Amino acid sequence: MKIALGVEYFGKNFHGWQIQKSGLRTVQSVVESALSQVANHPVRVFCSGRTDSGVHAIEQVIHFESETIRTDRAWLFGGNVNLPSDVNFKWVKVVSDDFHARFSAFARSYKYKIHHDPVRSSLKADYFLWEPRPLNIDDMRKAASSLVGEHDFSCFRGSLCQAKSPIKTIEYIEIKSSRDELIINVKANAFLHHMVRNIVGTLLKIGRGEKDVDWMNSVLDSKDRKKAGPTAEPQGLYFIKAFYKEI
């Protein structure tokens, strides 16, 4: 049968999601090891969206296949017993044979967290990007609105991106601010490699006043990664969830 699980992890001590030939510690490697112990056979998992080193996940979705009969509770709690403290399963569900964690998802959402304060925080350092400089939040919101809809996002595409097309559709980008936090929420049908972090790096240049609001349109029209802002640091990025019709 085919089984799907929701996975939460703290990305600091992982070298991204995907297993690497070098044997570096990755989320996929520890997840497969834990499930293999419950299944009593080697397990290979597929995820809804790969994450880079240092990136966190609230609800990554994975699936795997097994002929071993276990209850949902056994997969969930048996798997968690075999996982390290910085990753855990949140839920488990038997899914149809045609379900695929990556290809069945019709949308995905991410969150980027910025600690916006002149004074750094030791408690937030692993969970936020620290931005001590003043930011014009209204200008950032205006610039972000230019990205909503279907566009060629080549300007925000990482050099290692393997997506077949740079054309994606962003459903929304919302920027919420509080006393010392800035939260950027993005939902799209799919994302390019480093797309969210490159968008954030570009928005920060506008927020700091280094570029005006209209610069975002010229960056988008250029389809040139070199025209956009730098890639924001990974620790502020969270994979929130993938959206499916089945689960």
C-alpha atoms as a PDB file:
ATOM      1  CA  MET A   1       0.000   0.000   0.000  1.00  0.00           C
ATOM      2  CA  LYS A   2       0.959   3.641  -0.371  1.00  0.00           C
ATOM      3  CA  ILE A   3       1.271   5.736   2.758  1.00  0.00           C
ATOM      4  CA  ALA A   4       1.565   9.523   3.168  1.00  0.00           C
ATOM      5  CA  LEU A   5       2.964  11.339   6.204  1.00  0.00           C
ATOM      6  CA  GLY A   6       3.314  14.925   7.354  1.00  0.00           C
ATOM      7  CA  VAL A   7       6.869  15.780   8.452  1.00  0.00           C
ATOM      8  CA  GLU A   8       8.076  18.657  10.618  1.00  0.00           C
ATOM      9  CA  TYR A   9      11.745  19.536  10.952  1.00  0.00           C
ATOM     10  CA  PHE A  10      14.216  22.113  12.197  1.00  0.00           C
ATOM     11  CA  GLY A  11      16.647  22.566   9.343  1.00  0.00           C
ATOM     12  CA  LYS A  12      19.770  23.950  11.011  1.00  0.00           C
ATOM     13  CA  ASN A  13      21.677  20.682  11.353  1.00  0.00           C
ATOM     14  CA  PHE A  14      20.529  19.129   8.081  1.00  0.00           C
ATOM     15  CA  HIS A  15      22.211  19.496   4.697  1.00  0.00           C
ATOM     16  CA  GLY A  16      18.822  19.927   3.051  1.00  0.00           C
ATOM     17  CA  TRP A  17      16.131  17.381   2.296  1.00  0.00           C
ATOM     18  CA  GLN A  18      17.651  15.198  -0.412  1.00  0.00           C
ATOM     19  CA  ILE A  19      20.020  12.295   0.219  1.00  0.00           C
ATOM     20  CA  GLN A  20      23.559  13.120  -0.926  1.00  0.00           C
ATOM     21  CA  LYS A  21      26.235  10.755  -2.166  1.00  0.00           C
ATOM     22  CA  SER A  22      28.683  12.328   0.244  1.00  0.00           C
ATOM     23  CA  GLY A  23      26.724  10.837   3.146  1.00  0.00           C
ATOM     24  CA  LEU A  24      26.014  14.200   4.756  1.00  0.00           C
ATOM     25  CA  ARG A  25      23.092  14.313   7.182  1.00  0.00           C
ATOM     26  CA  THR A  26      19.824  15.050   5.351  1.00  0.00           C
ATOM     27  CA  VAL A  27      16.165  14.899   6.321  1.00  0.00           C
ATOM     28  CA  GLN A  28      15.424  12.233   3.727  1.00  0.00           C
ATOM     29  CA  SER A  29      18.180   9.970   5.045  1.00  0.00           C
ATOM     30  CA  VAL A  30      16.963   9.987   8.664  1.00  0.00           C
ATOM     31  CA  VAL A  31      13.289   9.677   7.631  1.00  0.00           C
ATOM     32  CA  GLU A  32      13.993   6.680   5.413  1.00  0.00           C
ATOM     33  CA  SER A  33      16.060   5.051   8.153  1.00  0.00           C
ATOM     34  CA  ALA A  34      13.255   5.468  10.708  1.00  0.00           C
ATOM     35  CA  LEU A  35      10.534   4.108   8.419  1.00  0.00           C
ATOM     36  CA  SER A  36      12.714   1.224   7.285  1.00  0.00           C
ATOM     37  CA  GLN A  37      12.997   0.069  10.895  1.00  0.00           C
ATOM     38  CA  VAL A  38       9.216   0.065  11.268  1.00  0.00           C
ATOM     39  CA  ALA A  39       8.671  -1.657   7.904  1.00  0.00           C
ATOM     40  CA  ASN A  40      11.494  -4.184   8.356  1.00  0.00           C
ATOM     41  CA  HIS A  41      12.663  -3.460   4.814  1.00  0.00           C
ATOM     42  CA  PRO A  42      14.404  -0.568   3.014  1.00  0.00           C
ATOM     43  CA  VAL A  43      12.000   2.336   2.404  1.00  0.00           C
ATOM     44  CA  ARG A  44      12.337   5.087  -0.194  1.00  0.00           C
ATOM     45  CA  VAL A  45      10.312   8.254   0.312  1.00  0.00           C
ATOM     46  CA  PHE A  46       9.217  11.018  -2.069  1.00  0.00           C
ATOM     47  CA  CYS A  47       8.518  14.573  -0.867  1.00  0.00           C
ATOM     48  CA  SER A  48       6.250  17.410  -1.911  1.00  0.00           C
ATOM     49  CA  GLY A  49       9.111  19.886  -2.228  1.00  0.00           C
ATOM     50  CA  ARG A  50      12.846  19.658  -1.518  1.00  0.00           C
ATOM     51  CA  THR A  51      14.304  22.136   0.932  1.00  0.00           C
ATOM     52  CA  ASP A  52      17.875  23.442   1.187  1.00  0.00           C
ATOM     53  CA  SER A  53      20.327  23.369   4.076  1.00  0.00           C
ATOM     54  CA  GLY A  54      19.016  25.331   7.048  1.00  0.00           C
ATOM     55  CA  VAL A  55      15.420  25.570   5.792  1.00  0.00           C
ATOM     56  CA  HIS A  56      12.647  24.388   8.123  1.00  0.00           C
ATOM     57  CA  ALA A  57       9.336  22.632   7.463  1.00  0.00           C
ATOM     58  CA  ILE A  58       6.021  22.877   9.285  1.00  0.00           C
ATOM     59  CA  GLU A  59       4.345  20.174   7.215  1.00  0.00           C
ATOM     60  CA  GLN A  60       6.419  18.599   4.507  1.00  0.00           C
ATOM     61  CA  VAL A  61       4.436  15.793   2.850  1.00  0.00           C
ATOM     62  CA  ILE A  62       6.035  12.499   1.876  1.00  0.00           C
ATOM     63  CA  HIS A  63       4.848   9.151   0.582  1.00  0.00           C
ATOM     64  CA  PHE A  64       6.287   5.653   0.387  1.00  0.00           C
ATOM     65  CA  GLU A  65       5.133   2.157  -0.515  1.00  0.00           C
ATOM     66  CA  SER A  66       5.223  -0.971   1.608  1.00  0.00           C
ATOM     67  CA  GLU A  67       3.686  -4.439   1.709  1.00  0.00           C
ATOM     68  CA  THR A  68       4.196  -4.515   5.467  1.00  0.00           C
ATOM     69  CA  ILE A  69       0.937  -4.244   7.392  1.00  0.00           C
ATOM     70  CA  ARG A  70       1.078  -1.711  10.212  1.00  0.00           C
ATOM     71  CA  THR A  71      -1.541   0.478  11.854  1.00  0.00           C
ATOM     72  CA  ASP A  72      -1.418   4.233  11.305  1.00  0.00           C
ATOM     73  CA  ARG A  73      -0.422   4.546  14.943  1.00  0.00           C
ATOM     74  CA  ALA A  74       2.492   2.157  14.450  1.00  0.00           C
ATOM     75  CA  TRP A  75       3.836   4.075  11.449  1.00  0.00           C
ATOM     76  CA  LEU A  76       3.444   7.392  13.284  1.00  0.00           C
ATOM     77  CA  PHE A  77       4.747   6.599  16.756  1.00  0.00           C
ATOM     78  CA  GLY A  78       7.096   3.819  15.678  1.00  0.00           C
ATOM     79  CA  GLY A  79       8.619   6.179  13.149  1.00  0.00           C
ATOM     80  CA  ASN A  80       8.968   8.998  15.675  1.00  0.00           C
ATOM     81  CA  VAL A  81      10.726   6.722  18.173  1.00  0.00           C
ATOM     82  CA  ASN A  82      13.433   6.160  15.569  1.00  0.00           C
ATOM     83  CA  LEU A  83      13.808   9.803  14.545  1.00  0.00           C
ATOM     84  CA  PRO A  84      16.212  12.383  16.023  1.00  0.00           C
ATOM     85  CA  SER A  85      14.787  15.282  18.031  1.00  0.00           C
ATOM     86  CA  ASP A  86      14.953  17.797  15.166  1.00  0.00           C
ATOM     87  CA  VAL A  87      12.475  15.941  12.919  1.00  0.00           C
ATOM     88  CA  ASN A  88       9.126  14.246  13.582  1.00  0.00           C
ATOM     89  CA  PHE A  89       6.069  12.828  11.859  1.00  0.00           C
ATOM     90  CA  LYS A  90       2.830  14.742  12.523  1.00  0.00           C
ATOM     91  CA  TRP A  91       0.254  12.481  10.859  1.00  0.00           C
ATOM     92  CA  VAL A  92      -0.056   9.413   8.643  1.00  0.00           C
ATOM     93  CA  LYS A  93      -2.673   8.332   6.100  1.00  0.00           C
ATOM     94  CA  VAL A  94      -3.078   5.496   3.621  1.00  0.00           C
ATOM     95  CA  VAL A  95      -3.563   7.054   0.162  1.00  0.00           C
ATOM     96  CA  SER A  96      -4.615   5.845  -3.281  1.00  0.00           C
ATOM     97  CA  ASP A  97      -2.170   4.127  -5.616  1.00  0.00           C
ATOM     98  CA  ASP A  98      -2.043   7.139  -7.941  1.00  0.00           C
ATOM     99  CA  PHE A  99      -1.144   9.621  -5.182  1.00  0.00           C
ATOM    100  CA  HIS A 100       2.293  11.246  -5.403  1.00  0.00           C
ATOM    101  CA  ALA A 101       3.608  13.682  -2.800  1.00  0.00           C
ATOM    102  CA  ARG A 102       5.191  15.887  -5.464  1.00  0.00           C
ATOM    103  CA  PHE A 103       3.106  15.491  -8.605  1.00  0.00           C
ATOM    104  CA  SER A 104      -0.326  15.366  -6.933  1.00  0.00           C
ATOM    105  CA  ALA A 105       0.181  18.723  -5.196  1.00  0.00           C
ATOM    106  CA  PHE A 106      -1.641  21.579  -6.927  1.00  0.00           C
ATOM    107  CA  ALA A 107      -0.154  24.329  -4.718  1.00  0.00           C
ATOM    108  CA  ARG A 108       2.444  24.936  -2.020  1.00  0.00           C
ATOM    109  CA  SER A 109       2.976  27.638   0.582  1.00  0.00           C
ATOM    110  CA  TYR A 110       6.045  29.052   2.300  1.00  0.00           C
ATOM    111  CA  LYS A 111       6.683  31.524   5.088  1.00  0.00           C
ATOM    112  CA  TYR A 112       9.749  33.711   5.563  1.00  0.00           C
ATOM    113  CA  LYS A 113      10.387  35.178   9.032  1.00  0.00           C
ATOM    114  CA  ILE A 114      12.442  38.315   9.637  1.00  0.00           C
ATOM    115  CA  HIS A 115      13.488  39.601  13.053  1.00  0.00           C
ATOM    116  CA  HIS A 116      13.230  43.356  12.472  1.00  0.00           C
ATOM    117  CA  ASP A 117      14.999  45.039  15.357  1.00  0.00           C
ATOM    118  CA  PRO A 118      18.235  47.025  15.859  1.00  0.00           C
ATOM    119  CA  VAL A 119      19.279  44.518  18.538  1.00  0.00           C
ATOM    120  CA  ARG A 120      19.949  40.904  17.606  1.00  0.00           C
ATOM    121  CA  SER A 121      18.204  38.068  19.425  1.00  0.00           C
ATOM    122  CA  SER A 122      20.027  34.940  20.574  1.00  0.00           C
ATOM    123  CA  LEU A 123      16.723  33.049  20.805  1.00  0.00           C
ATOM    124  CA  LYS A 124      15.603  33.941  17.273  1.00  0.00           C
ATOM    125  CA  ALA A 125      18.929  33.533  15.466  1.00  0.00           C
ATOM    126  CA  ASP A 126      18.171  30.031  14.174  1.00  0.00           C
ATOM    127  CA  TYR A 127      14.576  30.796  13.184  1.00  0.00           C
ATOM    128  CA  PHE A 128      14.656  34.275  11.638  1.00  0.00           C
ATOM    129  CA  LEU A 129      16.724  36.452   9.356  1.00  0.00           C
ATOM    130  CA  TRP A 130      17.918  39.409  11.413  1.00  0.00           C
ATOM    131  CA  GLU A 131      17.365  42.778   9.739  1.00  0.00           C
ATOM    132  CA  PRO A 132      18.509  45.687  11.960  1.00  0.00           C
ATOM    133  CA  ARG A 133      17.916  48.486   9.441  1.00  0.00           C
ATOM    134  CA  PRO A 134      14.671  50.471   9.055  1.00  0.00           C
ATOM    135  CA  LEU A 135      12.290  49.089   6.410  1.00  0.00           C
ATOM    136  CA  ASN A 136       9.492  50.715   4.440  1.00  0.00           C
ATOM    137  CA  ILE A 137       6.898  47.953   4.773  1.00  0.00           C
ATOM    138  CA  ASP A 138       4.356  49.714   2.539  1.00  0.00           C
ATOM    139  CA  ASP A 139       6.843  49.854  -0.330  1.00  0.00           C
ATOM    140  CA  MET A 140       7.621  46.163   0.148  1.00  0.00           C
ATOM    141  CA  ARG A 141       3.917  45.318  -0.028  1.00  0.00           C
ATOM    142  CA  LYS A 142       3.460  47.376  -3.194  1.00  0.00           C
ATOM    143  CA  ALA A 143       6.441  45.695  -4.837  1.00  0.00           C
ATOM    144  CA  ALA A 144       5.271  42.230  -3.799  1.00  0.00           C
ATOM    145  CA  SER A 145       1.873  42.804  -5.412  1.00  0.00           C
ATOM    146  CA  SER A 146       3.611  42.970  -8.815  1.00  0.00           C
ATOM    147  CA  LEU A 147       4.499  39.288  -8.479  1.00  0.00           C
ATOM    148  CA  VAL A 148       0.973  37.972  -7.993  1.00  0.00           C
ATOM    149  CA  GLY A 149      -0.372  36.004 -10.967  1.00  0.00           C
ATOM    150  CA  GLU A 150       1.315  34.020 -13.712  1.00  0.00           C
ATOM    151  CA  HIS A 151       4.800  35.196 -14.641  1.00  0.00           C
ATOM    152  CA  ASP A 152       8.138  34.022 -15.935  1.00  0.00           C
ATOM    153  CA  PHE A 153      10.147  34.016 -12.692  1.00  0.00           C
ATOM    154  CA  SER A 154      13.568  33.398 -14.253  1.00  0.00           C
ATOM    155  CA  CYS A 155      14.931  36.401 -12.339  1.00  0.00           C
ATOM    156  CA  PHE A 156      14.372  34.523  -9.070  1.00  0.00           C
ATOM    157  CA  ARG A 157      15.555  31.128 -10.304  1.00  0.00           C
ATOM    158  CA  GLY A 158      18.543  29.497  -8.629  1.00  0.00           C
ATOM    159  CA  SER A 159      21.387  28.222 -10.799  1.00  0.00           C
ATOM    160  CA  LEU A 160      20.752  24.605  -9.744  1.00  0.00           C
ATOM    161  CA  CYS A 161      17.025  24.717 -10.541  1.00  0.00           C
ATOM    162  CA  GLN A 162      15.766  21.650 -12.407  1.00  0.00           C
ATOM    163  CA  ALA A 163      12.225  22.875 -13.123  1.00  0.00           C
ATOM    164  CA  LYS A 164      11.121  22.395 -16.726  1.00  0.00           C
ATOM    165  CA  SER A 165       9.578  25.867 -16.928  1.00  0.00           C
ATOM    166  CA  PRO A 166      10.188  29.159 -15.079  1.00  0.00           C
ATOM    167  CA  ILE A 167       6.532  30.127 -15.520  1.00  0.00           C
ATOM    168  CA  LYS A 168       4.677  29.825 -12.220  1.00  0.00           C
ATOM    169  CA  THR A 169       1.523  31.315 -10.735  1.00  0.00           C
ATOM    170  CA  ILE A 170       1.670  33.081  -7.368  1.00  0.00           C
ATOM    171  CA  GLU A 171      -1.730  33.129  -5.673  1.00  0.00           C
ATOM    172  CA  TYR A 172      -0.766  35.633  -3.006  1.00  0.00           C
ATOM    173  CA  ILE A 173       2.114  37.319  -1.203  1.00  0.00           C
ATOM    174  CA  GLU A 174       1.192  38.886   2.118  1.00  0.00           C
ATOM    175  CA  ILE A 175       3.530  40.761   4.431  1.00  0.00           C
ATOM    176  CA  LYS A 176       2.550  40.970   8.090  1.00  0.00           C
ATOM    177  CA  SER A 177       4.439  43.106  10.567  1.00  0.00           C
ATOM    178  CA  SER A 178       4.437  43.376  14.343  1.00  0.00           C
ATOM    179  CA  ARG A 179       6.677  45.174  16.796  1.00  0.00           C
ATOM    180  CA  ASP A 180       9.840  43.289  15.898  1.00  0.00           C
ATOM    181  CA  GLU A 181       8.797  40.641  13.367  1.00  0.00           C
ATOM    182  CA  LEU A 182       8.089  40.654   9.655  1.00  0.00           C
ATOM    183  CA  ILE A 183       6.384  37.601   8.171  1.00  0.00           C
ATOM    184  CA  ILE A 184       6.190  37.072   4.390  1.00  0.00           C
ATOM    185  CA  ASN A 185       3.647  34.425   3.316  1.00  0.00           C
ATOM    186  CA  VAL A 186       3.658  33.124  -0.272  1.00  0.00           C
ATOM    187  CA  LYS A 187       1.401  30.587  -1.975  1.00  0.00           C
ATOM    188  CA  ALA A 188       1.890  29.403  -5.578  1.00  0.00           C
ATOM    189  CA  ASN A 189       1.153  26.437  -7.782  1.00  0.00           C
ATOM    190  CA  ALA A 190       4.885  25.605  -7.684  1.00  0.00           C
ATOM    191  CA  PHE A 191       8.217  27.226  -6.883  1.00  0.00           C
ATOM    192  CA  LEU A 192      11.624  27.427  -8.528  1.00  0.00           C
ATOM    193  CA  HIS A 193      14.814  26.635  -6.624  1.00  0.00           C
ATOM    194  CA  HIS A 194      15.615  29.537  -4.231  1.00  0.00           C
ATOM    195  CA  MET A 195      12.576  31.439  -5.574  1.00  0.00           C
ATOM    196  CA  VAL A 196      11.196  32.565  -2.204  1.00  0.00           C
ATOM    197  CA  ARG A 197      14.593  33.482  -0.768  1.00  0.00           C
ATOM    198  CA  ASN A 198      15.461  35.468  -3.914  1.00  0.00           C
ATOM    199  CA  ILE A 199      12.127  37.302  -3.745  1.00  0.00           C
ATOM    200  CA  VAL A 200      12.789  38.167  -0.100  1.00  0.00           C
ATOM    201  CA  GLY A 201      16.288  39.429  -0.898  1.00  0.00           C
ATOM    202  CA  THR A 202      14.814  41.661  -3.605  1.00  0.00           C
ATOM    203  CA  LEU A 203      12.021  42.973  -1.361  1.00  0.00           C
ATOM    204  CA  LEU A 204      14.545  43.863   1.336  1.00  0.00           C
ATOM    205  CA  LYS A 205      16.496  46.080  -1.062  1.00  0.00           C
ATOM    206  CA  ILE A 206      13.275  47.965  -1.737  1.00  0.00           C
ATOM    207  CA  GLY A 207      12.360  48.086   1.961  1.00  0.00           C
ATOM    208  CA  ARG A 208      15.731  49.586   2.817  1.00  0.00           C
ATOM    209  CA  GLY A 209      15.300  52.271   0.181  1.00  0.00           C
ATOM    210  CA  GLU A 210      18.163  50.991  -1.958  1.00  0.00           C
ATOM    211  CA  LYS A 211      15.722  50.528  -4.860  1.00  0.00           C
ATOM    212  CA  ASP A 212      12.314  52.027  -5.606  1.00  0.00           C
ATOM    213  CA  VAL A 213       9.038  50.120  -5.866  1.00  0.00           C
ATOM    214  CA  ASP A 214       9.029  50.079  -9.677  1.00  0.00           C
ATOM    215  CA  TRP A 215      12.360  48.264  -9.677  1.00  0.00           C
ATOM    216  CA  MET A 216      10.484  45.041  -8.955  1.00  0.00           C
ATOM    217  CA  ASN A 217       8.728  45.237 -12.330  1.00  0.00           C
ATOM    218  CA  SER A 218      11.986  45.833 -14.182  1.00  0.00           C
ATOM    219  CA  VAL A 219      13.587  42.876 -12.400  1.00  0.00           C
ATOM    220  CA  LEU A 220      10.658  40.638 -13.318  1.00  0.00           C
ATOM    221  CA  ASP A 221      10.690  41.785 -16.937  1.00  0.00           C
ATOM    222  CA  SER A 222      14.445  41.231 -17.230  1.00  0.00           C
ATOM    223  CA  LYS A 223      14.171  37.445 -16.636  1.00  0.00           C
ATOM    224  CA  ASP A 224      17.770  37.784 -15.417  1.00  0.00           C
ATOM    225  CA  ARG A 225      18.803  36.441 -12.006  1.00  0.00           C
ATOM    226  CA  LYS A 226      21.693  38.933 -11.879  1.00  0.00           C
ATOM    227  CA  LYS A 227      19.232  41.852 -11.892  1.00  0.00           C
ATOM    228  CA  ALA A 228      17.440  40.777  -8.705  1.00  0.00           C
ATOM    229  CA  GLY A 229      18.501  41.045  -5.071  1.00  0.00           C
ATOM    230  CA  PRO A 230      20.697  38.564  -3.189  1.00  0.00           C
ATOM    231  CA  THR A 231      19.454  35.233  -1.905  1.00  0.00           C
ATOM    232  CA  ALA A 232      18.134  35.682   1.638  1.00  0.00           C
ATOM    233  CA  GLU A 233      19.589  33.425   4.328  1.00  0.00           C
ATOM    234  CA  PRO A 234      17.956  29.999   4.771  1.00  0.00           C
ATOM    235  CA  GLN A 235      17.064  30.012   8.477  1.00  0.00           C
ATOM    236  CA  GLY A 236      14.102  32.364   7.953  1.00  0.00           C
ATOM    237  CA  LEU A 237      12.388  30.075   5.430  1.00  0.00           C
ATOM    238  CA  TYR A 238       9.685  27.547   6.313  1.00  0.00           C
ATOM    239  CA  PHE A 239       7.926  25.107   4.014  1.00  0.00           C
ATOM    240  CA  ILE A 240       4.372  25.433   5.359  1.00  0.00           C
ATOM    241  CA  LYS A 241       2.329  22.868   3.423  1.00  0.00           C
ATOM    242  CA  ALA A 242       1.389  21.314   0.121  1.00  0.00           C
ATOM    243  CA  PHE A 243      -2.203  21.242  -1.080  1.00  0.00           C
ATOM    244  CA  TYR A 244      -3.924  18.143  -2.442  1.00  0.00           C
ATOM    245  CA  LYS A 245      -7.409  17.053  -3.399  1.00  0.00           C
ATOM    246  CA  GLU A 246      -6.952  13.732  -1.612  1.00  0.00           C
ATOM    247  CA  ILE A 247      -5.459  14.748   1.738  1.00  0.00           C
END
